[in-house]
PDB file of all heavy atoms in Angstrom:
ATOM      1  N   GLU A   1      88.084  74.814 102.166  1.00  0.00           N
ATOM      2  CA  GLU A   1      87.293  75.593 103.012  1.00  0.00           C
ATOM      3  C   GLU A   1      88.072  76.415 103.952  1.00  0.00           C
ATOM      4  O   GLU A   1      87.732  77.694 104.176  1.00  0.00           O
ATOM      5  CB  GLU A   1      86.257  74.731 103.721  1.00  0.00           C
ATOM      6  CG  GLU A   1      85.313  75.540 104.551  1.00  0.00           C
ATOM      7  CD  GLU A   1      84.204  74.498 105.305  1.00  0.00           C
ATOM      8  OE1 GLU A   1      84.194  73.410 104.970  1.00  0.00           O
ATOM      9  OE2 GLU A   1      83.469  75.146 106.003  1.00  0.00           O
ATOM     10  N   LEU A   2      89.096  75.764 104.501  1.00  0.00           N
ATOM     11  CA  LEU A   2      89.914  76.610 105.441  1.00  0.00           C
ATOM     12  C   LEU A   2      90.542  77.771 104.803  1.00  0.00           C
ATOM     13  O   LEU A   2      90.643  78.987 105.438  1.00  0.00           O
ATOM     14  CB  LEU A   2      90.934  75.667 106.084  1.00  0.00           C
ATOM     15  CG  LEU A   2      91.911  76.370 107.155  1.00  0.00           C
ATOM     16  CD1 LEU A   2      91.106  76.943 108.238  1.00  0.00           C
ATOM     17  CD2 LEU A   2      92.872  75.268 107.598  1.00  0.00           C
ATOM     18  N   LEU A   3      91.075  77.632 103.544  1.00  0.00           N
ATOM     19  CA  LEU A   3      91.670  78.729 102.824  1.00  0.00           C
ATOM     20  C   LEU A   3      90.703  79.894 102.537  1.00  0.00           C
ATOM     21  O   LEU A   3      91.117  81.058 102.531  1.00  0.00           O
ATOM     22  CB  LEU A   3      92.334  78.150 101.555  1.00  0.00           C
ATOM     23  CG  LEU A   3      93.659  77.438 101.734  1.00  0.00           C
ATOM     24  CD1 LEU A   3      94.135  76.747 100.390  1.00  0.00           C
ATOM     25  CD2 LEU A   3      94.693  78.532 102.156  1.00  0.00           C
ATOM     26  N   THR A   4      89.474  79.496 102.201  1.00  0.00           N
ATOM     27  CA  THR A   4      88.457  80.453 102.006  1.00  0.00           C
ATOM     28  C   THR A   4      88.299  81.330 103.197  1.00  0.00           C
ATOM     29  O   THR A   4      88.167  82.508 103.175  1.00  0.00           O
ATOM     30  CB  THR A   4      87.192  79.691 101.635  1.00  0.00           C
ATOM     31  OG1 THR A   4      87.355  79.058 100.316  1.00  0.00           O
ATOM     32  CG2 THR A   4      86.040  80.779 101.454  1.00  0.00           C
ATOM     33  N   ASN A   5      88.253  80.626 104.392  1.00  0.00           N
ATOM     34  CA  ASN A   5      88.037  81.361 105.703  1.00  0.00           C
ATOM     35  C   ASN A   5      89.263  82.204 105.916  1.00  0.00           C
ATOM     36  O   ASN A   5      89.063  83.322 106.418  1.00  0.00           O
ATOM     37  CB  ASN A   5      87.830  80.335 106.825  1.00  0.00           C
ATOM     38  CG  ASN A   5      86.424  79.600 106.693  1.00  0.00           C
ATOM     39  OD1 ASN A   5      85.513  80.098 106.033  1.00  0.00           O
ATOM     40  ND2 ASN A   5      86.307  78.458 107.220  1.00  0.00           N
ATOM     41  N   VAL A   6      90.392  81.687 105.662  1.00  0.00           N
ATOM     42  CA  VAL A   6      91.644  82.448 106.011  1.00  0.00           C
ATOM     43  C   VAL A   6      91.764  83.661 105.096  1.00  0.00           C
ATOM     44  O   VAL A   6      92.170  84.719 105.504  1.00  0.00           O
ATOM     45  CB  VAL A   6      92.897  81.501 105.721  1.00  0.00           C
ATOM     46  CG1 VAL A   6      94.167  82.437 105.840  1.00  0.00           C
ATOM     47  CG2 VAL A   6      92.917  80.485 106.879  1.00  0.00           C
ATOM     48  N   LEU A   7      91.307  83.519 103.756  1.00  0.00           N
ATOM     49  CA  LEU A   7      91.269  84.610 102.908  1.00  0.00           C
ATOM     50  C   LEU A   7      90.307  85.729 103.357  1.00  0.00           C
ATOM     51  O   LEU A   7      90.579  86.943 103.336  1.00  0.00           O
ATOM     52  CB  LEU A   7      90.885  84.243 101.493  1.00  0.00           C
ATOM     53  CG  LEU A   7      90.906  85.363 100.456  1.00  0.00           C
ATOM     54  CD1 LEU A   7      92.207  85.929 100.188  1.00  0.00           C
ATOM     55  CD2 LEU A   7      90.464  84.632  99.088  1.00  0.00           C
ATOM     56  N   GLN A   8      89.140  85.327 103.862  1.00  0.00           N
ATOM     57  CA  GLN A   8      88.167  86.300 104.369  1.00  0.00           C
ATOM     58  C   GLN A   8      88.679  86.959 105.634  1.00  0.00           C
ATOM     59  O   GLN A   8      88.554  88.213 105.747  1.00  0.00           O
ATOM     60  CB  GLN A   8      86.731  85.597 104.705  1.00  0.00           C
ATOM     61  CG  GLN A   8      86.124  85.080 103.367  1.00  0.00           C
ATOM     62  CD  GLN A   8      84.926  84.286 103.783  1.00  0.00           C
ATOM     63  OE1 GLN A   8      84.696  83.933 104.893  1.00  0.00           O
ATOM     64  NE2 GLN A   8      84.050  84.008 102.719  1.00  0.00           N
ATOM     65  N   ALA A   9      89.305  86.224 106.455  1.00  0.00           N
ATOM     66  CA  ALA A   9      89.924  86.807 107.741  1.00  0.00           C
ATOM     67  C   ALA A   9      91.019  87.751 107.279  1.00  0.00           C
ATOM     68  O   ALA A   9      91.191  88.753 107.967  1.00  0.00           O
ATOM     69  CB  ALA A   9      90.454  85.669 108.644  1.00  0.00           C
ATOM     70  N   ASN A  10      91.751  87.373 106.296  1.00  0.00           N
ATOM     71  CA  ASN A  10      92.855  88.270 105.935  1.00  0.00           C
ATOM     72  C   ASN A  10      92.332  89.640 105.370  1.00  0.00           C
ATOM     73  O   ASN A  10      92.825  90.695 105.648  1.00  0.00           O
ATOM     74  CB  ASN A  10      93.676  87.594 104.865  1.00  0.00           C
ATOM     75  CG  ASN A  10      94.868  88.306 104.354  1.00  0.00           C
ATOM     76  OD1 ASN A  10      95.882  88.648 104.950  1.00  0.00           O
ATOM     77  ND2 ASN A  10      94.681  88.858 102.988  1.00  0.00           N
ATOM     78  N   LEU A  11      91.295  89.519 104.566  1.00  0.00           N
ATOM     79  CA  LEU A  11      90.673  90.720 104.049  1.00  0.00           C
ATOM     80  C   LEU A  11      90.145  91.601 105.192  1.00  0.00           C
ATOM     81  O   LEU A  11      90.144  92.859 105.164  1.00  0.00           O
ATOM     82  CB  LEU A  11      89.559  90.455 103.003  1.00  0.00           C
ATOM     83  CG  LEU A  11      90.181  89.710 101.717  1.00  0.00           C
ATOM     84  CD1 LEU A  11      88.973  89.381 100.816  1.00  0.00           C
ATOM     85  CD2 LEU A  11      91.133  90.620 101.016  1.00  0.00           C
ATOM     86  N   ALA A  12      89.497  90.833 106.227  1.00  0.00           N
ATOM     87  CA  ALA A  12      88.946  91.588 107.342  1.00  0.00           C
ATOM     88  C   ALA A  12      90.075  92.308 108.131  1.00  0.00           C
ATOM     89  O   ALA A  12      89.935  93.400 108.540  1.00  0.00           O
ATOM     90  CB  ALA A  12      88.158  90.645 108.310  1.00  0.00           C
ATOM     91  N   GLN A  13      91.223  91.597 108.284  1.00  0.00           N
ATOM     92  CA  GLN A  13      92.270  92.165 109.000  1.00  0.00           C
ATOM     93  C   GLN A  13      92.867  93.414 108.271  1.00  0.00           C
ATOM     94  O   GLN A  13      93.203  94.441 108.832  1.00  0.00           O
ATOM     95  CB  GLN A  13      93.430  91.166 109.055  1.00  0.00           C
ATOM     96  CG  GLN A  13      93.121  90.120 110.134  1.00  0.00           C
ATOM     97  CD  GLN A  13      93.305  90.530 111.510  1.00  0.00           C
ATOM     98  OE1 GLN A  13      92.422  91.043 112.048  1.00  0.00           O
ATOM     99  NE2 GLN A  13      94.473  90.174 112.188  1.00  0.00           N
ATOM    100  N   ILE A  14      92.872  93.380 106.972  1.00  0.00           N
ATOM    101  CA  ILE A  14      93.408  94.487 106.079  1.00  0.00           C
ATOM    102  C   ILE A  14      92.375  95.678 106.356  1.00  0.00           C
ATOM    103  O   ILE A  14      92.797  96.835 106.452  1.00  0.00           O
ATOM    104  CB  ILE A  14      93.568  94.072 104.692  1.00  0.00           C
ATOM    105  CG1 ILE A  14      94.577  93.163 104.533  1.00  0.00           C
ATOM    106  CG2 ILE A  14      93.660  95.337 103.729  1.00  0.00           C
ATOM    107  CD1 ILE A  14      94.640  92.533 102.995  1.00  0.00           C
ATOM    108  N   SER A  15      91.042  95.400 106.313  1.00  0.00           N
ATOM    109  CA  SER A  15      90.161  96.367 106.502  1.00  0.00           C
ATOM    110  C   SER A  15      90.216  97.058 107.805  1.00  0.00           C
ATOM    111  O   SER A  15      90.160  98.369 108.004  1.00  0.00           O
ATOM    112  CB  SER A  15      88.671  95.811 106.351  1.00  0.00           C
ATOM    113  OG  SER A  15      87.740  96.781 106.484  1.00  0.00           O
ATOM    114  N   VAL A  16      90.466  96.303 108.864  1.00  0.00           N
ATOM    115  CA  VAL A  16      90.677  96.761 110.272  1.00  0.00           C
ATOM    116  C   VAL A  16      91.941  97.728 110.291  1.00  0.00           C
ATOM    117  O   VAL A  16      92.001  98.720 110.936  1.00  0.00           O
ATOM    118  CB  VAL A  16      90.804  95.705 111.316  1.00  0.00           C
ATOM    119  CG1 VAL A  16      91.220  96.149 112.595  1.00  0.00           C
ATOM    120  CG2 VAL A  16      89.456  94.923 111.404  1.00  0.00           C
ATOM    121  N   GLN A  17      93.061  97.199 109.629  1.00  0.00           N
ATOM    122  CA  GLN A  17      94.241  98.041 109.633  1.00  0.00           C
ATOM    123  C   GLN A  17      93.933  99.352 108.852  1.00  0.00           C
ATOM    124  O   GLN A  17      94.532 100.429 109.384  1.00  0.00           O
ATOM    125  CB  GLN A  17      95.296  97.275 108.919  1.00  0.00           C
ATOM    126  CG  GLN A  17      95.926  96.165 109.723  1.00  0.00           C
ATOM    127  CD  GLN A  17      97.004  95.471 108.971  1.00  0.00           C
ATOM    128  OE1 GLN A  17      97.411  95.702 107.855  1.00  0.00           O
ATOM    129  NE2 GLN A  17      97.689  94.521 109.611  1.00  0.00           N
ATOM    130  N   GLN A  18      93.194  99.368 107.822  1.00  0.00           N
ATOM    131  CA  GLN A  18      92.952 100.589 107.085  1.00  0.00           C
ATOM    132  C   GLN A  18      92.147 101.551 107.930  1.00  0.00           C
ATOM    133  O   GLN A  18      92.276 102.715 107.967  1.00  0.00           O
ATOM    134  CB  GLN A  18      92.251 100.287 105.769  1.00  0.00           C
ATOM    135  CG  GLN A  18      93.184  99.519 104.741  1.00  0.00           C
ATOM    136  CD  GLN A  18      92.358  99.155 103.452  1.00  0.00           C
ATOM    137  OE1 GLN A  18      91.143  98.986 103.601  1.00  0.00           O
ATOM    138  NE2 GLN A  18      93.097  98.948 102.525  1.00  0.00           N
ATOM    139  N   ASN A  19      91.084 100.933 108.594  1.00  0.00           N
ATOM    140  CA  ASN A  19      90.327 101.841 109.542  1.00  0.00           C
ATOM    141  C   ASN A  19      91.102 102.459 110.631  1.00  0.00           C
ATOM    142  O   ASN A  19      90.984 103.632 111.072  1.00  0.00           O
ATOM    143  CB  ASN A  19      89.172 101.043 110.110  1.00  0.00           C
ATOM    144  CG  ASN A  19      88.154 100.639 109.006  1.00  0.00           C
ATOM    145  OD1 ASN A  19      87.944 101.335 108.021  1.00  0.00           O
ATOM    146  ND2 ASN A  19      87.316  99.624 109.266  1.00  0.00           N
ATOM    147  N   ASP A  20      92.029 101.540 111.121  1.00  0.00           N
ATOM    148  CA  ASP A  20      92.881 102.026 112.300  1.00  0.00           C
ATOM    149  C   ASP A  20      93.852 103.153 111.734  1.00  0.00           C
ATOM    150  O   ASP A  20      94.032 104.090 112.438  1.00  0.00           O
ATOM    151  CB  ASP A  20      93.695 100.812 112.760  1.00  0.00           C
ATOM    152  CG  ASP A  20      94.515 101.289 114.041  1.00  0.00           C
ATOM    153  OD1 ASP A  20      93.958 101.789 114.945  1.00  0.00           O
ATOM    154  OD2 ASP A  20      95.845 101.044 113.968  1.00  0.00           O
ATOM    155  N   ASP A  21      94.361 102.954 110.549  1.00  0.00           N
ATOM    156  CA  ASP A  21      95.148 104.033 109.901  1.00  0.00           C
ATOM    157  C   ASP A  21      94.463 105.296 109.744  1.00  0.00           C
ATOM    158  O   ASP A  21      95.021 106.410 109.985  1.00  0.00           O
ATOM    159  CB  ASP A  21      95.715 103.489 108.637  1.00  0.00           C
ATOM    160  CG  ASP A  21      96.796 102.356 108.820  1.00  0.00           C
ATOM    161  OD1 ASP A  21      97.279 102.188 109.847  1.00  0.00           O
ATOM    162  OD2 ASP A  21      97.024 101.636 107.724  1.00  0.00           O
ATOM    163  N   MET A  22      93.198 105.192 109.312  1.00  0.00           N
ATOM    164  CA  MET A  22      92.361 106.345 109.124  1.00  0.00           C
ATOM    165  C   MET A  22      92.040 107.117 110.346  1.00  0.00           C
ATOM    166  O   MET A  22      92.124 108.338 110.362  1.00  0.00           O
ATOM    167  CB  MET A  22      91.084 106.041 108.360  1.00  0.00           C
ATOM    168  CG  MET A  22      91.219 105.631 106.924  1.00  0.00           C
ATOM    169  SD  MET A  22      92.034 106.882 105.914  1.00  0.00           S
ATOM    170  CE  MET A  22      90.794 108.225 106.089  1.00  0.00           C
ATOM    171  N   ARG A  23      91.812 106.334 111.431  1.00  0.00           N
ATOM    172  CA  ARG A  23      91.549 106.967 112.785  1.00  0.00           C
ATOM    173  C   ARG A  23      92.815 107.812 113.198  1.00  0.00           C
ATOM    174  O   ARG A  23      92.678 108.878 113.756  1.00  0.00           O
ATOM    175  CB  ARG A  23      91.157 105.968 113.811  1.00  0.00           C
ATOM    176  CG  ARG A  23      89.751 105.484 113.621  1.00  0.00           C
ATOM    177  CD  ARG A  23      89.244 104.719 114.893  1.00  0.00           C
ATOM    178  NE  ARG A  23      90.136 103.563 115.156  1.00  0.00           N
ATOM    179  CZ  ARG A  23      89.857 102.353 114.761  1.00  0.00           C
ATOM    180  NH1 ARG A  23      88.750 102.105 113.970  1.00  0.00           N
ATOM    181  NH2 ARG A  23      90.645 101.262 115.160  1.00  0.00           N
ATOM    182  N   LYS A  24      94.002 107.105 113.024  1.00  0.00           N
ATOM    183  CA  LYS A  24      95.245 107.648 113.426  1.00  0.00           C
ATOM    184  C   LYS A  24      95.518 109.046 112.631  1.00  0.00           C
ATOM    185  O   LYS A  24      95.933 110.031 113.179  1.00  0.00           O
ATOM    186  CB  LYS A  24      96.352 106.790 113.265  1.00  0.00           C
ATOM    187  CG  LYS A  24      96.375 105.681 114.392  1.00  0.00           C
ATOM    188  CD  LYS A  24      97.524 104.741 114.071  1.00  0.00           C
ATOM    189  CE  LYS A  24      97.561 103.592 115.208  1.00  0.00           C
ATOM    190  NZ  LYS A  24      98.774 102.715 115.039  1.00  0.00           N
ATOM    191  N   ILE A  25      95.242 108.922 111.420  1.00  0.00           N
ATOM    192  CA  ILE A  25      95.495 110.111 110.557  1.00  0.00           C
ATOM    193  C   ILE A  25      94.537 111.243 110.946  1.00  0.00           C
ATOM    194  O   ILE A  25      95.008 112.423 111.041  1.00  0.00           O
ATOM    195  CB  ILE A  25      95.298 109.795 109.011  1.00  0.00           C
ATOM    196  CG1 ILE A  25      96.428 108.851 108.596  1.00  0.00           C
ATOM    197  CG2 ILE A  25      95.210 111.043 108.210  1.00  0.00           C
ATOM    198  CD1 ILE A  25      96.158 108.269 107.263  1.00  0.00           C
ATOM    199  N   SER A  26      93.341 110.765 111.176  1.00  0.00           N
ATOM    200  CA  SER A  26      92.239 111.831 111.639  1.00  0.00           C
ATOM    201  C   SER A  26      92.623 112.544 112.966  1.00  0.00           C
ATOM    202  O   SER A  26      92.484 113.733 113.090  1.00  0.00           O
ATOM    203  CB  SER A  26      90.882 111.179 111.553  1.00  0.00           C
ATOM    204  OG  SER A  26      90.429 110.723 110.438  1.00  0.00           O
ATOM    205  N   ALA A  27      93.056 111.643 113.888  1.00  0.00           N
ATOM    206  CA  ALA A  27      93.628 112.070 115.146  1.00  0.00           C
ATOM    207  C   ALA A  27      94.693 113.164 115.110  1.00  0.00           C
ATOM    208  O   ALA A  27      94.751 114.264 115.636  1.00  0.00           O
ATOM    209  CB  ALA A  27      93.972 111.011 116.114  1.00  0.00           C
ATOM    210  N   TRP A  28      95.719 112.826 114.208  1.00  0.00           N
ATOM    211  CA  TRP A  28      96.786 113.665 114.056  1.00  0.00           C
ATOM    212  C   TRP A  28      96.405 115.001 113.333  1.00  0.00           C
ATOM    213  O   TRP A  28      96.921 116.059 113.674  1.00  0.00           O
ATOM    214  CB  TRP A  28      97.987 113.028 113.309  1.00  0.00           C
ATOM    215  CG  TRP A  28      98.709 112.012 114.163  1.00  0.00           C
ATOM    216  CD1 TRP A  28      98.763 110.721 114.075  1.00  0.00           C
ATOM    217  CD2 TRP A  28      99.621 112.404 115.266  1.00  0.00           C
ATOM    218  NE1 TRP A  28      99.550 110.162 114.982  1.00  0.00           N
ATOM    219  CE2 TRP A  28     100.108 111.161 115.736  1.00  0.00           C
ATOM    220  CE3 TRP A  28      99.953 113.527 115.971  1.00  0.00           C
ATOM    221  CZ2 TRP A  28     100.957 111.112 116.894  1.00  0.00           C
ATOM    222  CZ3 TRP A  28     100.817 113.586 117.023  1.00  0.00           C
ATOM    223  CH2 TRP A  28     101.279 112.304 117.406  1.00  0.00           C
ATOM    224  N   VAL A  29      95.540 114.883 112.406  1.00  0.00           N
ATOM    225  CA  VAL A  29      95.027 116.085 111.771  1.00  0.00           C
ATOM    226  C   VAL A  29      94.405 116.980 112.676  1.00  0.00           C
ATOM    227  O   VAL A  29      94.416 118.216 112.756  1.00  0.00           O
ATOM    228  CB  VAL A  29      94.030 115.714 110.597  1.00  0.00           C
ATOM    229  CG1 VAL A  29      93.248 116.957 110.011  1.00  0.00           C
ATOM    230  CG2 VAL A  29      94.885 115.064 109.433  1.00  0.00           C
ATOM    231  N   GLY A  30      93.485 116.339 113.603  1.00  0.00           N
ATOM    232  CA  GLY A  30      92.861 117.198 114.706  1.00  0.00           C
ATOM    233  C   GLY A  30      93.861 117.845 115.568  1.00  0.00           C
ATOM    234  O   GLY A  30      93.650 119.002 116.003  1.00  0.00           O
TER     235      GLY A  30
END
């Protein structure tokens, strides 16, 4: 169960990183 939660948290962290990258890219484009 812990590994399932860690995997979900890992995917959430990746999603957050991708969103953060997109914001930075958009800011520099602006």
